């Protein structure tokens, strides 16, 4: 199973495979045509309250992951969708945050890989 993480503002590539946007909000300044998104799973994103609390602050990262993972336990159908695509080939989780280390797509990829 291969899951990659990539900022949506980066140019799409053939190695991306199936591209899934995992943000609750559509990224600013990018058209749906240019985004080249195969699936937008906005409901797999952290709750609005959790996203705002986290605010991409490194010191909140571990607590954010704990709370987000708790939310993900109730989203098995959405997780199954990603897993099914990943079993068939490459999947790239797309995010729009400027921080490429501490964001929900990185946390989501970690969560999915922990299930395998």
C-alpha atoms as a PDB file:
ATOM      1  CA  UNK A   1       0.000   0.000   0.000  1.00  0.00           C
ATOM      2  CA  UNK A   2       1.438   3.360  -1.012  1.00  0.00           C
ATOM      3  CA  UNK A   3       0.169   6.617   0.452  1.00  0.00           C
ATOM      4  CA  UNK A   4       1.895   9.883  -0.380  1.00  0.00           C
ATOM      5  CA  UNK A   5       1.256  13.360   0.976  1.00  0.00           C
ATOM      6  CA  UNK A   6       1.539  16.469  -1.169  1.00  0.00           C
ATOM      7  CA  UNK A   7       0.595  20.125  -1.067  1.00  0.00           C
ATOM      8  CA  UNK A   8      -2.166  20.778  -3.588  1.00  0.00           C
ATOM      9  CA  UNK A   9      -0.322  23.792  -4.957  1.00  0.00           C
ATOM     10  CA  UNK A  10       2.488  21.542  -6.231  1.00  0.00           C
ATOM     11  CA  UNK A  11       2.266  20.431  -9.845  1.00  0.00           C
ATOM     12  CA  UNK A  12       0.444  17.097 -10.310  1.00  0.00           C
ATOM     13  CA  UNK A  13       2.584  14.209 -11.511  1.00  0.00           C
ATOM     14  CA  UNK A  14       1.952  10.733 -12.875  1.00  0.00           C
ATOM     15  CA  UNK A  15       3.449   9.290  -9.677  1.00  0.00           C
ATOM     16  CA  UNK A  16       0.607  10.804  -7.639  1.00  0.00           C
ATOM     17  CA  UNK A  17      -1.796   8.084  -8.647  1.00  0.00           C
ATOM     18  CA  UNK A  18      -5.280   8.695  -7.222  1.00  0.00           C
ATOM     19  CA  UNK A  19      -5.381  12.234  -5.788  1.00  0.00           C
ATOM     20  CA  UNK A  20      -7.590  12.844  -2.732  1.00  0.00           C
ATOM     21  CA  UNK A  21      -8.095  16.279  -1.196  1.00  0.00           C
ATOM     22  CA  UNK A  22      -8.431  15.795   2.573  1.00  0.00           C
ATOM     23  CA  UNK A  23      -9.164  19.389   3.634  1.00  0.00           C
ATOM     24  CA  UNK A  24     -12.586  20.541   4.791  1.00  0.00           C
ATOM     25  CA  UNK A  25     -12.289  23.799   2.832  1.00  0.00           C
ATOM     26  CA  UNK A  26     -11.436  24.140  -0.846  1.00  0.00           C
ATOM     27  CA  UNK A  27      -7.909  25.629  -1.219  1.00  0.00           C
ATOM     28  CA  UNK A  28      -7.724  29.331  -1.991  1.00  0.00           C
ATOM     29  CA  UNK A  29      -6.608  30.460  -5.404  1.00  0.00           C
ATOM     30  CA  UNK A  30      -6.748  27.112  -7.185  1.00  0.00           C
ATOM     31  CA  UNK A  31      -9.391  26.121  -9.696  1.00  0.00           C
ATOM     32  CA  UNK A  32     -10.908  22.667  -9.670  1.00  0.00           C
ATOM     33  CA  UNK A  33      -9.421  22.071 -13.133  1.00  0.00           C
ATOM     34  CA  UNK A  34      -5.872  22.930 -12.063  1.00  0.00           C
ATOM     35  CA  UNK A  35      -6.149  20.972  -8.816  1.00  0.00           C
ATOM     36  CA  UNK A  36      -6.557  17.689 -10.692  1.00  0.00           C
ATOM     37  CA  UNK A  37      -8.382  16.140  -7.703  1.00  0.00           C
ATOM     38  CA  UNK A  38      -9.935  12.711  -8.200  1.00  0.00           C
ATOM     39  CA  UNK A  39     -11.891  12.816  -4.938  1.00  0.00           C
ATOM     40  CA  UNK A  40     -12.584  15.436  -2.281  1.00  0.00           C
ATOM     41  CA  UNK A  41     -13.105  13.782   1.102  1.00  0.00           C
ATOM     42  CA  UNK A  42     -13.833  16.912   3.133  1.00  0.00           C
ATOM     43  CA  UNK A  43     -15.574  14.929   5.885  1.00  0.00           C
ATOM     44  CA  UNK A  44     -12.355  13.079   6.727  1.00  0.00           C
ATOM     45  CA  UNK A  45     -10.713  16.379   7.691  1.00  0.00           C
ATOM     46  CA  UNK A  46     -10.488  17.343  11.362  1.00  0.00           C
ATOM     47  CA  UNK A  47     -13.511  19.068  12.840  1.00  0.00           C
ATOM     48  CA  UNK A  48     -13.559  22.838  12.480  1.00  0.00           C
ATOM     49  CA  UNK A  49     -13.043  23.223  16.225  1.00  0.00           C
ATOM     50  CA  UNK A  50      -9.984  20.949  16.225  1.00  0.00           C
ATOM     51  CA  UNK A  51      -8.513  22.604  13.136  1.00  0.00           C
ATOM     52  CA  UNK A  52      -8.841  26.059  14.646  1.00  0.00           C
ATOM     53  CA  UNK A  53      -7.427  24.937  18.005  1.00  0.00           C
ATOM     54  CA  UNK A  54      -4.408  23.286  16.362  1.00  0.00           C
ATOM     55  CA  UNK A  55      -3.570  26.239  14.082  1.00  0.00           C
ATOM     56  CA  UNK A  56      -0.519  24.272  12.780  1.00  0.00           C
ATOM     57  CA  UNK A  57       1.401  24.926  16.001  1.00  0.00           C
ATOM     58  CA  UNK A  58       4.198  22.412  16.438  1.00  0.00           C
ATOM     59  CA  UNK A  59       3.806  22.330  20.225  1.00  0.00           C
ATOM     60  CA  UNK A  60       0.206  21.093  19.781  1.00  0.00           C
ATOM     61  CA  UNK A  61       1.087  18.405  17.209  1.00  0.00           C
ATOM     62  CA  UNK A  62       0.972  15.319  19.457  1.00  0.00           C
ATOM     63  CA  UNK A  63      -2.265  16.404  21.139  1.00  0.00           C
ATOM     64  CA  UNK A  64      -3.754  17.294  17.750  1.00  0.00           C
ATOM     65  CA  UNK A  65      -2.962  13.811  16.403  1.00  0.00           C
ATOM     66  CA  UNK A  66      -4.501  12.168  19.477  1.00  0.00           C
ATOM     67  CA  UNK A  67      -7.723  14.163  19.102  1.00  0.00           C
ATOM     68  CA  UNK A  68      -7.820  13.729  15.318  1.00  0.00           C
ATOM     69  CA  UNK A  69      -7.242   9.987  15.593  1.00  0.00           C
ATOM     70  CA  UNK A  70     -10.178   9.847  18.017  1.00  0.00           C
ATOM     71  CA  UNK A  71     -12.325  11.574  15.385  1.00  0.00           C
ATOM     72  CA  UNK A  72     -11.101   9.200  12.684  1.00  0.00           C
ATOM     73  CA  UNK A  73     -12.305   6.162  14.650  1.00  0.00           C
ATOM     74  CA  UNK A  74     -15.842   7.216  13.691  1.00  0.00           C
ATOM     75  CA  UNK A  75     -15.052   7.645   9.984  1.00  0.00           C
ATOM     76  CA  UNK A  76     -14.440   4.049   8.972  1.00  0.00           C
ATOM     77  CA  UNK A  77     -16.357   4.316   5.694  1.00  0.00           C
ATOM     78  CA  UNK A  78     -14.168   7.210   4.519  1.00  0.00           C
ATOM     79  CA  UNK A  79     -11.009   5.434   5.666  1.00  0.00           C
ATOM     80  CA  UNK A  80     -12.130   2.338   3.754  1.00  0.00           C
ATOM     81  CA  UNK A  81     -12.450   4.468   0.610  1.00  0.00           C
ATOM     82  CA  UNK A  82      -8.816   5.571   0.896  1.00  0.00           C
ATOM     83  CA  UNK A  83      -7.649   2.057   1.779  1.00  0.00           C
ATOM     84  CA  UNK A  84      -9.423   0.545  -1.246  1.00  0.00           C
ATOM     85  CA  UNK A  85      -7.722   3.008  -3.590  1.00  0.00           C
ATOM     86  CA  UNK A  86      -4.317   2.492  -1.909  1.00  0.00           C
ATOM     87  CA  UNK A  87      -4.516  -1.276  -2.297  1.00  0.00           C
ATOM     88  CA  UNK A  88      -5.003  -0.831  -6.052  1.00  0.00           C
ATOM     89  CA  UNK A  89      -2.166   1.661  -6.539  1.00  0.00           C
ATOM     90  CA  UNK A  90      -0.638   4.930  -5.458  1.00  0.00           C
ATOM     91  CA  UNK A  91      -2.732   7.396  -3.488  1.00  0.00           C
ATOM     92  CA  UNK A  92      -1.746  10.986  -2.771  1.00  0.00           C
ATOM     93  CA  UNK A  93      -3.415  12.850   0.078  1.00  0.00           C
ATOM     94  CA  UNK A  94      -3.601  16.529  -0.816  1.00  0.00           C
ATOM     95  CA  UNK A  95      -3.622  19.419   1.652  1.00  0.00           C
ATOM     96  CA  UNK A  96      -3.364  23.192   1.361  1.00  0.00           C
ATOM     97  CA  UNK A  97      -1.599  24.136   4.612  1.00  0.00           C
ATOM     98  CA  UNK A  98       1.698  25.990   4.297  1.00  0.00           C
ATOM     99  CA  UNK A  99       3.279  23.779   6.950  1.00  0.00           C
ATOM    100  CA  UNK A 100       4.370  20.559   5.241  1.00  0.00           C
ATOM    101  CA  UNK A 101       5.271  18.745   8.476  1.00  0.00           C
ATOM    102  CA  UNK A 102       2.391  19.501  10.820  1.00  0.00           C
ATOM    103  CA  UNK A 103      -0.900  19.172   8.952  1.00  0.00           C
ATOM    104  CA  UNK A 104      -3.926  16.903   8.822  1.00  0.00           C
ATOM    105  CA  UNK A 105      -2.799  15.007   5.698  1.00  0.00           C
ATOM    106  CA  UNK A 106       0.450  13.944   7.390  1.00  0.00           C
ATOM    107  CA  UNK A 107      -1.503  12.860  10.467  1.00  0.00           C
ATOM    108  CA  UNK A 108      -4.065  11.014   8.344  1.00  0.00           C
ATOM    109  CA  UNK A 109      -1.366   9.127   6.438  1.00  0.00           C
ATOM    110  CA  UNK A 110       0.217   8.122   9.755  1.00  0.00           C
ATOM    111  CA  UNK A 111      -3.148   6.917  11.058  1.00  0.00           C
ATOM    112  CA  UNK A 112      -3.883   4.855   7.939  1.00  0.00           C
ATOM    113  CA  UNK A 113      -0.443   3.270   7.953  1.00  0.00           C
ATOM    114  CA  UNK A 114      -0.901   2.332  11.625  1.00  0.00           C
ATOM    115  CA  UNK A 115      -3.972   0.310  10.674  1.00  0.00           C
ATOM    116  CA  UNK A 116      -2.070  -1.958   8.294  1.00  0.00           C
END
